[in-house]
C-alpha cells in the first residue's frame, strides 16, 4: 500500500478539501481507492461542457490533475511535503455529452522528488474517453 500511514485515504475528506476551489466548482468527488490507485468522478453538465455541448478537454485535464495530485499528496507526510503538477498530457479519445466521467489515477513511480501517475477517464458505460499522464513535484511544506 502506497498511502501515508498505511491506511486508505478518507474519500469524504478529500472531496471536502476541494469544495471551495476548482474541484468543488466542477463537482469533483472522490469515490474509491485501492492499494495504489484513487478514483474521482465529475458530472458532465453546463459546468464542464465546451460550447458545442461536449465535455471540455480542459475539464478532463482538471479532473486528471486533481485526482493524481491529491493521490500523490496522500502518499506523503502532510506536515512535511505536498505534490504539485509539473507536466500533464492528455489524449482525448471520445466525446461525452452527459452523465459522469470517472478518473482513476494509478501511481507508476513514487520517487523522492517526483511522482508519475497514469489517469484513465471513463464514461458511465466504462468506455475510455481520455488517457492522461502527469509528473508531480514533491515539495517541502513552507
N, C-alpha and C. Protein backbone atom coordinates (compact mmCIF):
# COMPACT_ATOMS: atom_id res chain seq x y z
N UNK A 1 0.85 -1.18 0.00
CA UNK A 1 0.00 0.00 0.00
C UNK A 1 0.90 1.25 0.00
N UNK A 2 0.51 2.22 -0.84
CA UNK A 2 1.35 3.41 -1.02
C UNK A 2 0.97 4.58 -0.11
N UNK A 3 -0.17 4.50 0.55
CA UNK A 3 -0.70 5.65 1.27
C UNK A 3 0.05 5.91 2.57
N UNK A 4 0.23 7.20 2.89
CA UNK A 4 0.90 7.60 4.14
C UNK A 4 0.12 7.04 5.32
N UNK A 5 0.83 6.49 6.27
CA UNK A 5 0.21 5.88 7.44
C UNK A 5 -0.33 4.49 7.15
N UNK A 6 -0.13 4.01 5.93
CA UNK A 6 -0.54 2.67 5.51
C UNK A 6 -2.05 2.44 5.65
N UNK A 7 -2.83 3.52 5.51
CA UNK A 7 -4.29 3.40 5.52
C UNK A 7 -4.85 4.11 4.29
N UNK A 8 -5.94 3.57 3.77
CA UNK A 8 -6.56 4.19 2.59
C UNK A 8 -7.03 5.59 2.93
N UNK A 9 -6.96 6.50 1.96
CA UNK A 9 -7.37 7.89 2.19
C UNK A 9 -8.86 8.01 2.52
N UNK A 10 -9.19 9.08 3.23
CA UNK A 10 -10.57 9.41 3.58
C UNK A 10 -11.19 10.14 2.38
N UNK A 11 -12.04 9.45 1.66
CA UNK A 11 -12.61 9.99 0.42
C UNK A 11 -13.45 11.24 0.67
N UNK A 12 -14.26 11.23 1.71
CA UNK A 12 -15.11 12.39 2.02
C UNK A 12 -14.25 13.60 2.37
N UNK A 13 -13.18 13.39 3.12
CA UNK A 13 -12.29 14.50 3.50
C UNK A 13 -11.60 15.08 2.27
N UNK A 14 -11.21 14.23 1.32
CA UNK A 14 -10.56 14.73 0.10
C UNK A 14 -11.56 15.54 -0.74
N UNK A 15 -12.79 15.09 -0.81
CA UNK A 15 -13.82 15.84 -1.54
C UNK A 15 -14.06 17.19 -0.88
N UNK A 16 -14.18 17.20 0.44
CA UNK A 16 -14.42 18.44 1.19
C UNK A 16 -13.25 19.40 1.04
N UNK A 17 -12.02 18.88 0.99
CA UNK A 17 -10.83 19.72 0.87
C UNK A 17 -10.90 20.61 -0.37
N UNK A 18 -11.49 20.12 -1.47
CA UNK A 18 -11.55 20.90 -2.70
C UNK A 18 -12.86 21.63 -2.91
N UNK A 19 -13.74 21.61 -1.93
CA UNK A 19 -15.10 22.16 -2.11
C UNK A 19 -15.11 23.64 -2.47
N UNK A 20 -14.19 24.43 -1.93
CA UNK A 20 -14.20 25.88 -2.16
C UNK A 20 -13.23 26.31 -3.27
N UNK A 21 -12.74 25.34 -4.05
CA UNK A 21 -11.81 25.67 -5.14
C UNK A 21 -12.27 24.97 -6.42
N UNK A 22 -11.43 24.90 -7.43
CA UNK A 22 -11.84 24.36 -8.72
C UNK A 22 -12.50 22.99 -8.63
N UNK A 23 -11.96 22.02 -7.89
CA UNK A 23 -12.65 20.72 -7.82
C UNK A 23 -14.11 20.84 -7.38
N UNK A 24 -14.38 21.68 -6.41
CA UNK A 24 -15.76 21.88 -5.95
C UNK A 24 -16.62 22.54 -7.00
N UNK A 25 -16.06 23.53 -7.70
CA UNK A 25 -16.82 24.22 -8.75
C UNK A 25 -17.18 23.29 -9.90
N UNK A 26 -16.31 22.32 -10.17
CA UNK A 26 -16.56 21.37 -11.24
C UNK A 26 -17.38 20.16 -10.78
N UNK A 27 -17.63 20.05 -9.47
CA UNK A 27 -18.41 18.94 -8.94
C UNK A 27 -17.63 17.65 -8.76
N UNK A 28 -16.32 17.75 -8.63
CA UNK A 28 -15.48 16.56 -8.48
C UNK A 28 -15.65 15.97 -7.09
N UNK A 29 -15.86 14.66 -7.04
CA UNK A 29 -15.95 13.95 -5.76
C UNK A 29 -15.13 12.67 -5.83
N UNK A 30 -14.41 12.39 -4.75
CA UNK A 30 -13.61 11.17 -4.67
C UNK A 30 -14.52 10.01 -4.31
N UNK A 31 -14.35 8.88 -5.01
CA UNK A 31 -15.31 7.79 -4.87
C UNK A 31 -14.72 6.45 -4.46
N UNK A 32 -13.41 6.22 -4.66
CA UNK A 32 -12.86 4.91 -4.31
C UNK A 32 -11.33 5.01 -4.28
N UNK A 33 -10.74 4.05 -3.59
CA UNK A 33 -9.28 3.96 -3.52
C UNK A 33 -8.88 2.50 -3.33
N UNK A 34 -7.73 2.15 -3.89
CA UNK A 34 -7.15 0.83 -3.72
C UNK A 34 -5.76 0.96 -3.14
N UNK A 35 -4.98 -0.09 -3.25
CA UNK A 35 -3.63 -0.07 -2.67
C UNK A 35 -2.71 0.95 -3.35
N UNK A 36 -2.89 1.18 -4.66
CA UNK A 36 -2.01 2.10 -5.39
C UNK A 36 -2.77 2.95 -6.39
N UNK A 37 -4.07 3.16 -6.17
CA UNK A 37 -4.87 3.95 -7.10
C UNK A 37 -5.95 4.70 -6.34
N UNK A 38 -6.48 5.74 -7.00
CA UNK A 38 -7.51 6.59 -6.43
C UNK A 38 -8.46 7.00 -7.56
N UNK A 39 -9.78 7.03 -7.27
CA UNK A 39 -10.78 7.41 -8.28
C UNK A 39 -11.62 8.58 -7.81
N UNK A 40 -11.96 9.43 -8.76
CA UNK A 40 -12.88 10.55 -8.52
C UNK A 40 -13.78 10.67 -9.74
N UNK A 41 -14.97 11.23 -9.52
CA UNK A 41 -15.88 11.41 -10.65
C UNK A 41 -16.30 12.87 -10.75
N UNK A 42 -16.77 13.21 -11.95
CA UNK A 42 -17.15 14.59 -12.24
C UNK A 42 -18.38 14.55 -13.15
N UNK A 43 -19.36 15.43 -12.90
CA UNK A 43 -20.51 15.48 -13.80
C UNK A 43 -20.14 16.09 -15.15
N UNK A 44 -20.84 15.63 -16.17
CA UNK A 44 -20.72 16.24 -17.50
C UNK A 44 -21.99 17.06 -17.66
N UNK A 45 -21.87 18.37 -17.43
CA UNK A 45 -23.02 19.27 -17.47
C UNK A 45 -22.55 20.67 -17.88
N UNK A 46 -23.39 21.68 -17.66
CA UNK A 46 -23.07 23.04 -18.09
C UNK A 46 -21.74 23.55 -17.54
N UNK A 47 -21.29 23.03 -16.38
CA UNK A 47 -20.02 23.47 -15.80
C UNK A 47 -18.81 22.92 -16.54
N UNK A 48 -18.98 21.78 -17.18
CA UNK A 48 -17.84 21.07 -17.77
C UNK A 48 -17.94 20.93 -19.28
N UNK A 49 -18.99 21.47 -19.89
CA UNK A 49 -19.16 21.42 -21.35
C UNK A 49 -18.31 22.48 -22.05
N UNK A 50 -17.94 22.21 -23.28
CA UNK A 50 -17.46 23.25 -24.18
C UNK A 50 -18.68 23.79 -24.92
N UNK A 51 -18.54 24.84 -25.71
CA UNK A 51 -19.71 25.48 -26.33
C UNK A 51 -20.57 24.58 -27.21
N UNK A 52 -20.06 23.42 -27.64
CA UNK A 52 -20.79 22.54 -28.54
C UNK A 52 -21.47 21.38 -27.80
N UNK A 53 -21.55 21.49 -26.47
CA UNK A 53 -22.29 20.51 -25.69
C UNK A 53 -21.55 19.24 -25.32
N UNK A 54 -20.27 19.22 -25.58
CA UNK A 54 -19.46 18.04 -25.24
C UNK A 54 -18.59 18.37 -24.03
N UNK A 55 -18.09 17.31 -23.37
CA UNK A 55 -17.16 17.50 -22.27
C UNK A 55 -15.94 18.27 -22.76
N UNK A 56 -15.59 19.34 -22.10
CA UNK A 56 -14.44 20.17 -22.44
C UNK A 56 -13.16 19.40 -22.10
N UNK A 57 -12.21 19.40 -23.03
CA UNK A 57 -10.93 18.73 -22.77
C UNK A 57 -10.22 19.28 -21.55
N UNK A 58 -10.35 20.59 -21.32
CA UNK A 58 -9.73 21.19 -20.15
C UNK A 58 -10.35 20.69 -18.86
N UNK A 59 -11.65 20.38 -18.88
CA UNK A 59 -12.29 19.82 -17.70
C UNK A 59 -11.75 18.41 -17.42
N UNK A 60 -11.53 17.64 -18.47
CA UNK A 60 -10.93 16.31 -18.30
C UNK A 60 -9.54 16.42 -17.69
N UNK A 61 -8.76 17.39 -18.16
CA UNK A 61 -7.40 17.59 -17.64
C UNK A 61 -7.47 18.05 -16.17
N UNK A 62 -8.42 18.93 -15.85
CA UNK A 62 -8.58 19.37 -14.46
C UNK A 62 -8.93 18.18 -13.56
N UNK A 63 -9.80 17.30 -14.04
CA UNK A 63 -10.14 16.09 -13.27
C UNK A 63 -8.93 15.20 -13.10
N UNK A 64 -8.19 14.97 -14.18
CA UNK A 64 -7.00 14.12 -14.13
C UNK A 64 -5.97 14.67 -13.16
N UNK A 65 -5.70 15.98 -13.25
CA UNK A 65 -4.70 16.57 -12.35
C UNK A 65 -5.18 16.55 -10.91
N UNK A 66 -6.46 16.77 -10.69
CA UNK A 66 -6.99 16.75 -9.33
C UNK A 66 -6.81 15.39 -8.68
N UNK A 67 -7.26 14.34 -9.36
CA UNK A 67 -7.21 13.01 -8.73
C UNK A 67 -5.76 12.56 -8.52
N UNK A 68 -4.88 12.83 -9.47
CA UNK A 68 -3.48 12.41 -9.31
C UNK A 68 -2.74 13.26 -8.28
N UNK A 69 -2.96 14.57 -8.28
CA UNK A 69 -2.27 15.44 -7.32
C UNK A 69 -2.69 15.14 -5.89
N UNK A 70 -3.99 14.95 -5.70
CA UNK A 70 -4.45 14.60 -4.36
C UNK A 70 -3.95 13.21 -3.99
N UNK A 71 -3.98 12.28 -4.93
CA UNK A 71 -3.42 10.95 -4.66
C UNK A 71 -1.96 11.03 -4.27
N UNK A 72 -1.19 11.81 -5.00
CA UNK A 72 0.23 11.98 -4.66
C UNK A 72 0.42 12.55 -3.27
N UNK A 73 -0.39 13.56 -2.93
CA UNK A 73 -0.28 14.16 -1.60
C UNK A 73 -0.60 13.16 -0.51
N UNK A 74 -1.50 12.22 -0.79
CA UNK A 74 -1.89 11.24 0.22
C UNK A 74 -0.82 10.18 0.48
N UNK A 75 0.25 10.18 -0.35
CA UNK A 75 1.35 9.25 -0.12
C UNK A 75 2.43 9.84 0.77
N UNK A 76 2.29 11.12 1.11
CA UNK A 76 3.33 11.86 1.83
C UNK A 76 2.87 12.28 3.21
N UNK A 77 3.83 12.56 4.08
CA UNK A 77 3.55 13.15 5.39
C UNK A 77 3.13 14.60 5.15
N UNK A 78 1.85 14.95 5.38
CA UNK A 78 1.37 16.29 5.04
C UNK A 78 2.01 17.41 5.86
N UNK A 79 2.64 17.08 6.96
CA UNK A 79 3.33 18.11 7.74
C UNK A 79 4.69 18.45 7.14
N UNK A 80 5.15 17.63 6.18
CA UNK A 80 6.47 17.84 5.60
C UNK A 80 6.49 18.13 4.11
N UNK A 81 5.55 17.50 3.35
CA UNK A 81 5.61 17.60 1.90
C UNK A 81 4.22 17.64 1.27
N UNK A 82 4.16 18.21 0.06
CA UNK A 82 2.97 18.20 -0.78
C UNK A 82 3.42 17.91 -2.21
N UNK A 83 2.44 17.67 -3.09
CA UNK A 83 2.74 17.48 -4.51
C UNK A 83 2.09 18.59 -5.32
N UNK A 84 2.75 18.97 -6.39
CA UNK A 84 2.19 19.93 -7.35
C UNK A 84 2.50 19.42 -8.76
N UNK A 85 1.62 19.73 -9.69
CA UNK A 85 1.82 19.29 -11.06
C UNK A 85 2.99 19.99 -11.73
N UNK A 86 3.81 19.21 -12.44
CA UNK A 86 4.92 19.75 -13.23
C UNK A 86 4.61 19.69 -14.73
N UNK A 87 4.00 18.58 -15.14
CA UNK A 87 3.70 18.37 -16.56
C UNK A 87 2.54 17.40 -16.64
N UNK A 88 1.61 17.67 -17.55
CA UNK A 88 0.49 16.77 -17.77
C UNK A 88 0.21 16.70 -19.27
N UNK A 89 -0.17 15.51 -19.73
CA UNK A 89 -0.63 15.37 -21.11
C UNK A 89 -1.93 14.59 -21.09
N UNK A 90 -2.70 14.73 -22.15
CA UNK A 90 -3.98 14.04 -22.23
C UNK A 90 -4.31 13.73 -23.69
N UNK A 91 -4.76 12.53 -23.92
CA UNK A 91 -5.28 12.12 -25.21
C UNK A 91 -6.78 11.98 -25.06
N UNK A 92 -7.53 12.82 -25.78
CA UNK A 92 -8.99 12.79 -25.73
C UNK A 92 -9.46 11.81 -26.80
N UNK A 93 -10.15 10.76 -26.38
CA UNK A 93 -10.44 9.64 -27.26
C UNK A 93 -11.86 9.67 -27.83
N UNK A 94 -12.85 9.96 -27.00
CA UNK A 94 -14.23 10.00 -27.48
C UNK A 94 -15.00 11.06 -26.72
N UNK A 95 -16.05 11.62 -27.34
CA UNK A 95 -16.83 12.67 -26.68
C UNK A 95 -17.81 12.10 -25.65
N UNK A 96 -18.18 12.96 -24.71
CA UNK A 96 -19.22 12.64 -23.73
C UNK A 96 -20.10 13.88 -23.65
N UNK A 97 -21.41 13.67 -23.65
CA UNK A 97 -22.34 14.79 -23.62
C UNK A 97 -23.04 14.96 -22.27
N UNK A 98 -23.21 13.88 -21.53
CA UNK A 98 -23.96 13.94 -20.27
C UNK A 98 -23.51 12.82 -19.34
N UNK A 99 -24.09 12.81 -18.15
CA UNK A 99 -23.75 11.78 -17.17
C UNK A 99 -22.56 12.19 -16.32
N UNK A 100 -21.70 11.22 -16.05
CA UNK A 100 -20.49 11.45 -15.27
C UNK A 100 -19.30 10.81 -15.97
N UNK A 101 -18.13 11.31 -15.66
CA UNK A 101 -16.89 10.64 -16.03
C UNK A 101 -16.14 10.32 -14.75
N UNK A 102 -15.43 9.20 -14.78
CA UNK A 102 -14.67 8.76 -13.61
C UNK A 102 -13.20 8.65 -13.98
N UNK A 103 -12.36 9.27 -13.19
CA UNK A 103 -10.91 9.22 -13.40
C UNK A 103 -10.29 8.31 -12.35
N UNK A 104 -9.48 7.38 -12.81
CA UNK A 104 -8.74 6.50 -11.90
C UNK A 104 -7.26 6.75 -12.14
N UNK A 105 -6.60 7.24 -11.09
CA UNK A 105 -5.17 7.55 -11.14
C UNK A 105 -4.40 6.43 -10.47
N UNK A 106 -3.39 5.92 -11.17
CA UNK A 106 -2.55 4.85 -10.64
C UNK A 106 -1.11 5.34 -10.56
N UNK A 107 -0.51 5.13 -9.41
CA UNK A 107 0.89 5.51 -9.23
C UNK A 107 1.78 4.61 -10.07
N UNK A 108 2.62 5.21 -10.88
CA UNK A 108 3.59 4.46 -11.69
C UNK A 108 4.98 4.52 -11.06
N UNK A 109 5.33 5.68 -10.48
CA UNK A 109 6.63 5.87 -9.85
C UNK A 109 6.49 6.88 -8.73
N UNK A 110 6.91 6.50 -7.54
CA UNK A 110 6.87 7.39 -6.38
C UNK A 110 8.29 7.64 -5.91
N UNK A 111 8.91 8.66 -6.47
CA UNK A 111 10.28 8.99 -6.13
C UNK A 111 10.37 10.00 -5.00
N UNK A 112 11.59 10.32 -4.63
CA UNK A 112 11.85 11.26 -3.55
C UNK A 112 11.47 12.69 -3.94
N UNK A 113 11.68 13.06 -5.22
CA UNK A 113 11.40 14.43 -5.67
C UNK A 113 10.32 14.53 -6.73
N UNK A 114 9.98 13.41 -7.38
CA UNK A 114 8.93 13.41 -8.39
C UNK A 114 8.09 12.14 -8.28
N UNK A 115 6.87 12.25 -8.76
CA UNK A 115 5.97 11.12 -8.87
C UNK A 115 5.38 11.13 -10.28
N UNK A 116 5.10 9.94 -10.82
CA UNK A 116 4.43 9.82 -12.11
C UNK A 116 3.17 8.98 -11.91
N UNK A 117 2.06 9.51 -12.43
CA UNK A 117 0.76 8.84 -12.33
C UNK A 117 0.14 8.74 -13.72
N UNK A 118 -0.56 7.64 -13.98
CA UNK A 118 -1.36 7.47 -15.18
C UNK A 118 -2.83 7.58 -14.77
N UNK A 119 -3.60 8.31 -15.57
CA UNK A 119 -5.02 8.54 -15.26
C UNK A 119 -5.86 8.09 -16.45
N UNK A 120 -6.80 7.19 -16.18
CA UNK A 120 -7.76 6.72 -17.18
C UNK A 120 -9.11 7.32 -16.83
N UNK A 121 -9.72 8.04 -17.77
CA UNK A 121 -11.04 8.63 -17.56
C UNK A 121 -12.03 7.86 -18.43
N UNK A 122 -13.09 7.37 -17.79
CA UNK A 122 -14.11 6.59 -18.47
C UNK A 122 -15.48 7.23 -18.30
N UNK A 123 -16.41 6.90 -19.21
CA UNK A 123 -17.77 7.40 -19.11
C UNK A 123 -18.62 6.43 -18.28
N UNK A 124 -19.92 6.70 -18.18
CA UNK A 124 -20.80 5.86 -17.38
C UNK A 124 -20.89 4.42 -17.89
N UNK A 125 -20.61 4.21 -19.16
CA UNK A 125 -20.64 2.87 -19.75
C UNK A 125 -19.29 2.16 -19.62
N UNK A 126 -18.30 2.84 -18.99
CA UNK A 126 -16.98 2.25 -18.83
C UNK A 126 -16.08 2.42 -20.03
N UNK A 127 -16.51 3.18 -21.03
CA UNK A 127 -15.67 3.41 -22.21
C UNK A 127 -14.61 4.45 -21.93
N UNK A 128 -13.41 4.21 -22.42
CA UNK A 128 -12.29 5.14 -22.24
C UNK A 128 -12.54 6.40 -23.05
N UNK A 129 -12.51 7.55 -22.37
CA UNK A 129 -12.70 8.81 -23.09
C UNK A 129 -11.44 9.67 -23.07
N UNK A 130 -10.55 9.42 -22.11
CA UNK A 130 -9.31 10.21 -22.04
C UNK A 130 -8.25 9.39 -21.31
N UNK A 131 -7.04 9.46 -21.80
CA UNK A 131 -5.89 8.84 -21.16
C UNK A 131 -4.87 9.94 -20.90
N UNK A 132 -4.44 10.05 -19.66
CA UNK A 132 -3.56 11.15 -19.26
C UNK A 132 -2.40 10.63 -18.43
N UNK A 133 -1.32 11.39 -18.41
CA UNK A 133 -0.19 11.09 -17.53
C UNK A 133 0.32 12.41 -16.96
N UNK A 134 0.66 12.37 -15.69
CA UNK A 134 1.15 13.58 -15.02
C UNK A 134 2.43 13.27 -14.26
N UNK A 135 3.32 14.25 -14.27
CA UNK A 135 4.51 14.23 -13.41
C UNK A 135 4.28 15.27 -12.31
N UNK A 136 4.41 14.82 -11.08
CA UNK A 136 4.24 15.70 -9.92
C UNK A 136 5.59 15.98 -9.27
N UNK A 137 5.76 17.19 -8.81
CA UNK A 137 6.93 17.53 -8.00
C UNK A 137 6.56 17.33 -6.54
N UNK A 138 7.46 16.76 -5.79
CA UNK A 138 7.29 16.62 -4.34
C UNK A 138 8.07 17.78 -3.72
N UNK A 139 7.34 18.66 -3.03
CA UNK A 139 7.99 19.85 -2.45
C UNK A 139 7.75 19.92 -0.95
N UNK A 140 8.66 20.61 -0.28
CA UNK A 140 8.55 20.78 1.15
C UNK A 140 7.45 21.78 1.50
N UNK A 141 6.77 21.54 2.59
CA UNK A 141 5.75 22.46 3.07
C UNK A 141 6.47 23.71 3.60
N UNK A 142 6.01 24.88 3.19
CA UNK A 142 6.66 26.12 3.60
C UNK A 142 6.40 26.44 5.06
